[in-house]
């Protein structure tokens, strides 16, 4: 498997969409995650850049993912 460098996270109420890419922008994975599984999933990933849309919930998730060692960017 290619090394994951960037992850896009689409936040929702119950099911989140996660898209992982390598350094060249190639797709490494696409997943649907339930809210309860998000922290477990990101805890298993090596530290990488995580991008998500800026919204009320994004600040919470950004803090949690930063605690796991990821570099989080909120996109307006």
PDB file of N, CA and C in Angstrom:
ATOM      1  N   UNK A   1       0.842  -1.176   0.000  1.00  0.00           N
ATOM      2  CA  UNK A   1       0.000   0.000   0.000  1.00  0.00           C
ATOM      3  C   UNK A   1       0.883   1.234   0.000  1.00  0.00           C
ATOM      4  N   UNK A   2       0.466   2.273  -0.709  1.00  0.00           N
ATOM      5  CA  UNK A   2       1.190   3.538  -0.742  1.00  0.00           C
ATOM      6  C   UNK A   2       1.115   4.214   0.613  1.00  0.00           C
ATOM      7  N   UNK A   3       2.103   5.061   0.894  1.00  0.00           N
ATOM      8  CA  UNK A   3       2.097   5.798   2.152  1.00  0.00           C
ATOM      9  C   UNK A   3       1.075   6.921   2.087  1.00  0.00           C
ATOM     10  N   UNK A   4       0.240   7.003   3.087  1.00  0.00           N
ATOM     11  CA  UNK A   4      -0.810   8.018   3.146  1.00  0.00           C
ATOM     12  C   UNK A   4      -0.195   9.324   3.632  1.00  0.00           C
ATOM     13  N   UNK A   5      -0.382  10.402   2.873  1.00  0.00           N
ATOM     14  CA  UNK A   5       0.138  11.705   3.277  1.00  0.00           C
ATOM     15  C   UNK A   5      -0.983  12.694   3.576  1.00  0.00           C
ATOM     16  N   UNK A   6      -2.133  12.529   2.934  1.00  0.00           N
ATOM     17  CA  UNK A   6      -3.245  13.465   3.089  1.00  0.00           C
ATOM     18  C   UNK A   6      -4.553  12.692   3.224  1.00  0.00           C
ATOM     19  N   UNK A   7      -5.380  13.152   4.158  1.00  0.00           N
ATOM     20  CA  UNK A   7      -6.699  12.543   4.341  1.00  0.00           C
ATOM     21  C   UNK A   7      -7.733  13.654   4.315  1.00  0.00           C
ATOM     22  N   UNK A   8      -8.768  13.472   3.510  1.00  0.00           N
ATOM     23  CA  UNK A   8      -9.903  14.382   3.497  1.00  0.00           C
ATOM     24  C   UNK A   8     -11.014  13.769   4.328  1.00  0.00           C
ATOM     25  N   UNK A   9     -11.587  14.560   5.213  1.00  0.00           N
ATOM     26  CA  UNK A   9     -12.641  14.070   6.096  1.00  0.00           C
ATOM     27  C   UNK A   9     -13.884  14.920   5.895  1.00  0.00           C
ATOM     28  N   UNK A  10     -14.972  14.291   5.459  1.00  0.00           N
ATOM     29  CA  UNK A  10     -16.252  14.970   5.275  1.00  0.00           C
ATOM     30  C   UNK A  10     -17.112  14.653   6.482  1.00  0.00           C
ATOM     31  N   UNK A  11     -17.358  15.664   7.301  1.00  0.00           N
ATOM     32  CA  UNK A  11     -18.104  15.474   8.537  1.00  0.00           C
ATOM     33  C   UNK A  11     -19.602  15.446   8.261  1.00  0.00           C
ATOM     34  N   UNK A  12     -20.305  14.642   9.030  1.00  0.00           N
ATOM     35  CA  UNK A  12     -21.766  14.548   8.928  1.00  0.00           C
ATOM     36  C   UNK A  12     -22.301  14.198  10.311  1.00  0.00           C
ATOM     37  N   UNK A  13     -23.592  13.954  10.396  1.00  0.00           N
ATOM     38  CA  UNK A  13     -24.166  13.628  11.703  1.00  0.00           C
ATOM     39  C   UNK A  13     -23.775  12.233  12.170  1.00  0.00           C
ATOM     40  N   UNK A  14     -23.920  11.241  11.326  1.00  0.00           N
ATOM     41  CA  UNK A  14     -23.667   9.857  11.752  1.00  0.00           C
ATOM     42  C   UNK A  14     -22.586   9.136  10.960  1.00  0.00           C
ATOM     43  N   UNK A  15     -22.555   9.307   9.657  1.00  0.00           N
ATOM     44  CA  UNK A  15     -21.600   8.596   8.809  1.00  0.00           C
ATOM     45  C   UNK A  15     -20.666   9.599   8.151  1.00  0.00           C
ATOM     46  N   UNK A  16     -19.368   9.460   8.415  1.00  0.00           N
ATOM     47  CA  UNK A  16     -18.358  10.353   7.852  1.00  0.00           C
ATOM     48  C   UNK A  16     -17.713   9.680   6.649  1.00  0.00           C
ATOM     49  N   UNK A  17     -17.358  10.466   5.655  1.00  0.00           N
ATOM     50  CA  UNK A  17     -16.644   9.972   4.476  1.00  0.00           C
ATOM     51  C   UNK A  17     -15.159  10.319   4.654  1.00  0.00           C
ATOM     52  N   UNK A  18     -14.285   9.351   4.410  1.00  0.00           N
ATOM     53  CA  UNK A  18     -12.845   9.548   4.570  1.00  0.00           C
ATOM     54  C   UNK A  18     -12.170   9.143   3.262  1.00  0.00           C
ATOM     55  N   UNK A  19     -11.259   9.995   2.795  1.00  0.00           N
ATOM     56  CA  UNK A  19     -10.553   9.763   1.536  1.00  0.00           C
ATOM     57  C   UNK A  19      -9.064   9.948   1.801  1.00  0.00           C
ATOM     58  N   UNK A  20      -8.265   8.904   1.583  1.00  0.00           N
ATOM     59  CA  UNK A  20      -6.821   8.981   1.796  1.00  0.00           C
ATOM     60  C   UNK A  20      -6.079   9.042   0.480  1.00  0.00           C
ATOM     61  N   UNK A  21      -5.024   9.871   0.429  1.00  0.00           N
ATOM     62  CA  UNK A  21      -4.234  10.027  -0.793  1.00  0.00           C
ATOM     63  C   UNK A  21      -2.749   9.945  -0.470  1.00  0.00           C
ATOM     64  N   UNK A  22      -1.962   9.523  -1.465  1.00  0.00           N
ATOM     65  CA  UNK A  22      -0.517   9.481  -1.294  1.00  0.00           C
ATOM     66  C   UNK A  22       0.090  10.807  -1.748  1.00  0.00           C
ATOM     67  N   UNK A  23       1.416  10.904  -1.754  1.00  0.00           N
ATOM     68  CA  UNK A  23       2.103  12.152  -2.082  1.00  0.00           C
ATOM     69  C   UNK A  23       1.822  12.619  -3.508  1.00  0.00           C
ATOM     70  N   UNK A  24       1.537  11.706  -4.430  1.00  0.00           N
ATOM     71  CA  UNK A  24       1.250  12.081  -5.815  1.00  0.00           C
ATOM     72  C   UNK A  24      -0.222  12.391  -6.042  1.00  0.00           C
ATOM     73  N   UNK A  25      -1.045  12.231  -4.999  1.00  0.00           N
ATOM     74  CA  UNK A  25      -2.471  12.500  -5.127  1.00  0.00           C
ATOM     75  C   UNK A  25      -3.291  11.286  -5.505  1.00  0.00           C
ATOM     76  N   UNK A  26      -2.647  10.129  -5.575  1.00  0.00           N
ATOM     77  CA  UNK A  26      -3.364   8.902  -5.904  1.00  0.00           C
ATOM     78  C   UNK A  26      -4.205   8.411  -4.741  1.00  0.00           C
ATOM     79  N   UNK A  27      -5.321   7.811  -5.058  1.00  0.00           N
ATOM     80  CA  UNK A  27      -6.236   7.313  -4.032  1.00  0.00           C
ATOM     81  C   UNK A  27      -5.630   6.089  -3.350  1.00  0.00           C
ATOM     82  N   UNK A  28      -5.579   6.121  -2.032  1.00  0.00           N
ATOM     83  CA  UNK A  28      -5.115   4.984  -1.247  1.00  0.00           C
ATOM     84  C   UNK A  28      -6.318   4.246  -0.649  1.00  0.00           C
ATOM     85  N   UNK A  29      -7.300   4.990  -0.177  1.00  0.00           N
ATOM     86  CA  UNK A  29      -8.519   4.378   0.345  1.00  0.00           C
ATOM     87  C   UNK A  29      -9.664   5.379   0.311  1.00  0.00           C
ATOM     88  N   UNK A  30     -10.868   4.828   0.338  1.00  0.00           N
ATOM     89  CA  UNK A  30     -12.115   5.583   0.523  1.00  0.00           C
ATOM     90  C   UNK A  30     -12.950   4.770   1.487  1.00  0.00           C
ATOM     91  N   UNK A  31     -13.431   5.403   2.539  1.00  0.00           N
ATOM     92  CA  UNK A  31     -14.182   4.677   3.558  1.00  0.00           C
ATOM     93  C   UNK A  31     -15.354   5.491   4.075  1.00  0.00           C
ATOM     94  N   UNK A  32     -16.343   4.781   4.580  1.00  0.00           N
ATOM     95  CA  UNK A  32     -17.433   5.381   5.338  1.00  0.00           C
ATOM     96  C   UNK A  32     -17.205   4.958   6.776  1.00  0.00           C
ATOM     97  N   UNK A  33     -17.240   5.923   7.695  1.00  0.00           N
ATOM     98  CA  UNK A  33     -17.036   5.613   9.099  1.00  0.00           C
ATOM     99  C   UNK A  33     -18.199   6.136   9.929  1.00  0.00           C
ATOM    100  N   UNK A  34     -18.636   5.351  10.862  1.00  0.00           N
ATOM    101  CA  UNK A  34     -19.602   5.822  11.842  1.00  0.00           C
ATOM    102  C   UNK A  34     -18.871   6.722  12.821  1.00  0.00           C
ATOM    103  N   UNK A  35     -19.587   7.639  13.416  1.00  0.00           N
ATOM    104  CA  UNK A  35     -19.006   8.607  14.357  1.00  0.00           C
ATOM    105  C   UNK A  35     -18.167   7.916  15.433  1.00  0.00           C
ATOM    106  N   UNK A  36     -18.637   6.810  15.968  1.00  0.00           N
ATOM    107  CA  UNK A  36     -17.942   6.114  17.049  1.00  0.00           C
ATOM    108  C   UNK A  36     -16.615   5.495  16.602  1.00  0.00           C
ATOM    109  N   UNK A  37     -16.423   5.270  15.311  1.00  0.00           N
ATOM    110  CA  UNK A  37     -15.220   4.606  14.814  1.00  0.00           C
ATOM    111  C   UNK A  37     -14.141   5.569  14.329  1.00  0.00           C
ATOM    112  N   UNK A  38     -14.418   6.860  14.305  1.00  0.00           N
ATOM    113  CA  UNK A  38     -13.490   7.831  13.721  1.00  0.00           C
ATOM    114  C   UNK A  38     -12.165   7.886  14.476  1.00  0.00           C
ATOM    115  N   UNK A  39     -12.210   8.033  15.781  1.00  0.00           N
ATOM    116  CA  UNK A  39     -10.966   8.164  16.545  1.00  0.00           C
ATOM    117  C   UNK A  39     -10.148   6.876  16.514  1.00  0.00           C
ATOM    118  N   UNK A  40     -10.801   5.738  16.543  1.00  0.00           N
ATOM    119  CA  UNK A  40     -10.086   4.468  16.455  1.00  0.00           C
ATOM    120  C   UNK A  40      -9.376   4.352  15.096  1.00  0.00           C
ATOM    121  N   UNK A  41     -10.075   4.711  14.029  1.00  0.00           N
ATOM    122  CA  UNK A  41      -9.495   4.644  12.686  1.00  0.00           C
ATOM    123  C   UNK A  41      -8.281   5.561  12.564  1.00  0.00           C
ATOM    124  N   UNK A  42      -8.418   6.831  12.978  1.00  0.00           N
ATOM    125  CA  UNK A  42      -7.312   7.771  12.854  1.00  0.00           C
ATOM    126  C   UNK A  42      -6.175   7.451  13.821  1.00  0.00           C
ATOM    127  N   UNK A  43      -6.471   6.787  14.914  1.00  0.00           N
ATOM    128  CA  UNK A  43      -5.426   6.366  15.837  1.00  0.00           C
ATOM    129  C   UNK A  43      -4.499   5.336  15.230  1.00  0.00           C
ATOM    130  N   UNK A  44      -4.988   4.562  14.271  1.00  0.00           N
ATOM    131  CA  UNK A  44      -4.180   3.533  13.600  1.00  0.00           C
ATOM    132  C   UNK A  44      -3.384   4.083  12.424  1.00  0.00           C
ATOM    133  N   UNK A  45      -3.738   5.286  11.937  1.00  0.00           N
ATOM    134  CA  UNK A  45      -3.024   5.876  10.798  1.00  0.00           C
ATOM    135  C   UNK A  45      -1.736   6.530  11.259  1.00  0.00           C
ATOM    136  N   UNK A  46      -0.699   6.521  10.412  1.00  0.00           N
ATOM    137  CA  UNK A  46       0.495   7.304  10.743  1.00  0.00           C
ATOM    138  C   UNK A  46       0.144   8.790  10.673  1.00  0.00           C
ATOM    139  N   UNK A  47       0.862   9.646  11.396  1.00  0.00           N
ATOM    140  CA  UNK A  47       0.563  11.086  11.349  1.00  0.00           C
ATOM    141  C   UNK A  47       0.565  11.610   9.918  1.00  0.00           C
ATOM    142  N   UNK A  48      -0.470  12.352   9.554  1.00  0.00           N
ATOM    143  CA  UNK A  48      -0.595  12.890   8.205  1.00  0.00           C
ATOM    144  C   UNK A  48      -1.405  14.180   8.253  1.00  0.00           C
ATOM    145  N   UNK A  49      -1.538  14.819   7.111  1.00  0.00           N
ATOM    146  CA  UNK A  49      -2.345  16.028   6.973  1.00  0.00           C
ATOM    147  C   UNK A  49      -3.806  15.610   6.836  1.00  0.00           C
ATOM    148  N   UNK A  50      -4.672  16.183   7.677  1.00  0.00           N
ATOM    149  CA  UNK A  50      -6.105  15.897   7.615  1.00  0.00           C
ATOM    150  C   UNK A  50      -6.813  17.208   7.302  1.00  0.00           C
ATOM    151  N   UNK A  51      -7.565  17.225   6.205  1.00  0.00           N
ATOM    152  CA  UNK A  51      -8.301  18.423   5.801  1.00  0.00           C
ATOM    153  C   UNK A  51      -9.794  18.167   5.944  1.00  0.00           C
ATOM    154  N   UNK A  52     -10.494  19.177   6.488  1.00  0.00           N
ATOM    155  CA  UNK A  52     -11.940  19.071   6.615  1.00  0.00           C
ATOM    156  C   UNK A  52     -12.561  20.455   6.513  1.00  0.00           C
ATOM    157  N   UNK A  53     -13.832  20.477   6.140  1.00  0.00           N
ATOM    158  CA  UNK A  53     -14.549  21.736   6.017  1.00  0.00           C
ATOM    159  C   UNK A  53     -14.733  22.356   7.398  1.00  0.00           C
ATOM    160  N   UNK A  54     -14.505  23.664   7.486  1.00  0.00           N
ATOM    161  CA  UNK A  54     -14.679  24.378   8.747  1.00  0.00           C
ATOM    162  C   UNK A  54     -16.167  24.492   9.066  1.00  0.00           C
ATOM    163  N   UNK A  55     -16.542  23.940  10.202  1.00  0.00           N
ATOM    164  CA  UNK A  55     -17.911  24.052  10.703  1.00  0.00           C
ATOM    165  C   UNK A  55     -17.835  23.895  12.214  1.00  0.00           C
ATOM    166  N   UNK A  56     -18.944  23.975  12.883  1.00  0.00           N
ATOM    167  CA  UNK A  56     -18.933  23.887  14.336  1.00  0.00           C
ATOM    168  C   UNK A  56     -18.296  22.611  14.848  1.00  0.00           C
ATOM    169  N   UNK A  57     -18.618  21.494  14.263  1.00  0.00           N
ATOM    170  CA  UNK A  57     -18.071  20.211  14.690  1.00  0.00           C
ATOM    171  C   UNK A  57     -16.618  20.010  14.303  1.00  0.00           C
ATOM    172  N   UNK A  58     -16.149  20.713  13.280  1.00  0.00           N
ATOM    173  CA  UNK A  58     -14.775  20.535  12.800  1.00  0.00           C
ATOM    174  C   UNK A  58     -13.758  20.930  13.854  1.00  0.00           C
ATOM    175  N   UNK A  59     -14.074  21.915  14.680  1.00  0.00           N
ATOM    176  CA  UNK A  59     -13.130  22.339  15.710  1.00  0.00           C
ATOM    177  C   UNK A  59     -12.943  21.235  16.750  1.00  0.00           C
ATOM    178  N   UNK A  60     -14.020  20.571  17.126  1.00  0.00           N
ATOM    179  CA  UNK A  60     -13.921  19.446  18.052  1.00  0.00           C
ATOM    180  C   UNK A  60     -13.066  18.340  17.454  1.00  0.00           C
ATOM    181  N   UNK A  61     -13.411  17.928  16.221  1.00  0.00           N
ATOM    182  CA  UNK A  61     -12.672  16.837  15.586  1.00  0.00           C
ATOM    183  C   UNK A  61     -11.216  17.223  15.334  1.00  0.00           C
ATOM    184  N   UNK A  62     -10.981  18.482  14.999  1.00  0.00           N
ATOM    185  CA  UNK A  62      -9.609  18.950  14.797  1.00  0.00           C
ATOM    186  C   UNK A  62      -8.769  18.800  16.050  1.00  0.00           C
ATOM    187  N   UNK A  63      -9.331  19.167  17.198  1.00  0.00           N
ATOM    188  CA  UNK A  63      -8.603  19.018  18.462  1.00  0.00           C
ATOM    189  C   UNK A  63      -8.318  17.545  18.759  1.00  0.00           C
ATOM    190  N   UNK A  64      -9.306  16.688  18.529  1.00  0.00           N
ATOM    191  CA  UNK A  64      -9.130  15.259  18.807  1.00  0.00           C
ATOM    192  C   UNK A  64      -8.073  14.636  17.893  1.00  0.00           C
ATOM    193  N   UNK A  65      -8.092  14.985  16.617  1.00  0.00           N
ATOM    194  CA  UNK A  65      -7.128  14.419  15.668  1.00  0.00           C
ATOM    195  C   UNK A  65      -5.727  14.979  15.905  1.00  0.00           C
ATOM    196  N   UNK A  66      -5.632  16.224  16.348  1.00  0.00           N
ATOM    197  CA  UNK A  66      -4.326  16.800  16.689  1.00  0.00           C
ATOM    198  C   UNK A  66      -3.724  16.046  17.867  1.00  0.00           C
ATOM    199  N   UNK A  67      -4.535  15.667  18.836  1.00  0.00           N
ATOM    200  CA  UNK A  67      -4.049  14.873  19.977  1.00  0.00           C
ATOM    201  C   UNK A  67      -3.478  13.533  19.535  1.00  0.00           C
ATOM    202  N   UNK A  68      -3.964  13.020  18.400  1.00  0.00           N
ATOM    203  CA  UNK A  68      -3.462  11.745  17.872  1.00  0.00           C
ATOM    204  C   UNK A  68      -2.208  11.940  17.018  1.00  0.00           C
ATOM    205  N   UNK A  69      -1.749  13.199  16.850  1.00  0.00           N
ATOM    206  CA  UNK A  69      -0.519  13.470  16.113  1.00  0.00           C
ATOM    207  C   UNK A  69      -0.695  13.927  14.681  1.00  0.00           C
ATOM    208  N   UNK A  70      -1.914  14.114  14.236  1.00  0.00           N
ATOM    209  CA  UNK A  70      -2.168  14.540  12.864  1.00  0.00           C
ATOM    210  C   UNK A  70      -2.078  16.062  12.739  1.00  0.00           C
ATOM    211  N   UNK A  71      -1.757  16.544  11.540  1.00  0.00           N
ATOM    212  CA  UNK A  71      -1.736  17.975  11.226  1.00  0.00           C
ATOM    213  C   UNK A  71      -3.093  18.300  10.593  1.00  0.00           C
ATOM    214  N   UNK A  72      -3.928  19.037  11.303  1.00  0.00           N
ATOM    215  CA  UNK A  72      -5.298  19.294  10.854  1.00  0.00           C
ATOM    216  C   UNK A  72      -5.406  20.681  10.245  1.00  0.00           C
ATOM    217  N   UNK A  73      -6.069  20.748   9.101  1.00  0.00           N
ATOM    218  CA  UNK A  73      -6.348  22.024   8.421  1.00  0.00           C
ATOM    219  C   UNK A  73      -7.842  22.129   8.187  1.00  0.00           C
ATOM    220  N   UNK A  74      -8.408  23.251   8.590  1.00  0.00           N
ATOM    221  CA  UNK A  74      -9.825  23.505   8.339  1.00  0.00           C
ATOM    222  C   UNK A  74      -9.940  24.395   7.107  1.00  0.00           C
ATOM    223  N   UNK A  75     -10.780  23.982   6.183  1.00  0.00           N
ATOM    224  CA  UNK A  75     -10.928  24.689   4.914  1.00  0.00           C
ATOM    225  C   UNK A  75     -12.256  25.450   4.927  1.00  0.00           C
ATOM    226  N   UNK A  76     -12.224  26.776   4.687  1.00  0.00           N
ATOM    227  CA  UNK A  76     -13.479  27.550   4.688  1.00  0.00           C
ATOM    228  C   UNK A  76     -14.352  27.203   3.486  1.00  0.00           C
TER     229      UNK A  76
END
